[in-house]
Amino acid sequence: MLKEQYLLDSMERKEIIKNFLEKGYQIDFASLEFFFKNQDKIDQFFGKIENKQPPSIITLNFLRSFFKKPNIETLKTFDLENERNSVQQFVKYFTNRYEKLREFLLNNVNLTNLISINKITNQTKNFSLIGMVREKDEENKCITIEDTTGELIIYFDKVAEFFHEIVSDDVLGVVCDKNDKIIAKHIVWPEVSLRRSINTTKEDVYCLFISDFHFDEENFNKEAYEKFLKWVNNVKYDKFYIFVLGDVSPQKDIIVNFFDKLPNNSFKIFVQGEIDPDIDVGDVTIRRPSLLKVEDNLMFLVCHGDELSKYKNIWKGCPPDKLMVNLLKKRQLDPLFNKQIYKEDQILETVPDIFVSGHFHEPILLNYKGTTVLSTGSFTSRPIFWLTNLRARETIKVDFT
């Protein structure tokens, strides 16, 4: 009986070897044993390896990296609601926004003499409020702010620099003086806490953030792209995540061909940009801005960036890192209401360890209260991108000019 089983097993192993040889691949003994015990992975291997460049002999180490899954969990996707919303839904949505952001503000020591709007009297002189901005008047440098008890007009004669950052539907704290009218002395945002631990991994994990290839455009920098391909296929990292932050090409075949040229031992995350077609490619595909948990304990807020463009227009001359920091201060990815509400609240209840965006073609690195804020370059203007080691939380510039 044992002899018969041994002969059957030997025949199966020979069949596996023959199958691989017919496809043009050689495998070592350890790989043979792997496929003998995991025969369901043989067809999966042939399907995934097509058009790639495997080593001359397939080894077990190569298979481990080949079948390894990225340690990424999507915690929240900031996706807009497609259905028509009722008045009740809007009321619930904005009430929820106000209550959540108010909680961040309640314990802020800068909000002295905190009261609600209906408690303001003729005798009230110095006080603080928490409210939502219903309207912003650029000409008169004032806002109409409301809480659950009423509404109030506040003027920004003395602190006009804060006025510039405010948008309608913000939830904020205001330190006020009251004489003939109510004047803002100071603005307090829900903000990022200073008392944050810097999350790291126990082992070296490298993340490359790259975007805006624009293969189809006339000013696509082919020389810089070839430098990138040479570099990315020669780095040797045990754990290597490549975040492609969108605007690769409007053509699916070009995107597929690009991802096929990325190293086999990397995890590839595709964040779809506004020019990219709807396509699943790489190990993870993300279609909307998302909060990800990476390697069990680090939070990444990733987006292509076209969703943030309206704030670049509102805050004229604002570089992308300042724009992104403003949104972190507000603890909202998209505070300004524009006809549609989000399926899930867009409040940043969890502060990201890394906040990264493409789209702006401006390579910028900034650390803000423990959050690494990154904006990537492009292959049409400045091919400068970022490589982060999650163990050291160190980010270096990767320049292909």
Foldseek 3Di string as FASTA:
>chain_A
DVVVVVVVLVVVLVVLQVVQVVVPAAEDPVVSVVCSVVVVCPVVCVVVCPPADDDRYDYPLLVCLLPDAFQKDFPDFFAWDPDADDPVVVVVQLVVVQVVLVVLVVPDPVQPQEDFPVPDDPPDFKGKYKFFFADADPVQQWTWTHDPPGIFIEHAPPPSVVSLLDDHQFIWMFTWGDDPGIYGPDIAASADDLPDDQAFDPDWAKEWEFEAQQVPDPLQQVQLVVLVLVVQQPDDDQEYEYEYAENNAQDPVSVQSVLSSGDSSYAYEYEYDPSYDDDDDGNYYHDGFTWMDGPNHATEGGHQCPLQVVVCVSSPPDDPQNSVNSCNRSQFPDSHDDSIATPDGRGNPDRGQEYEYEDPQDFDWDADSNHIYTYAHHSNPFHKIWMATRRVRDIDIDGSD
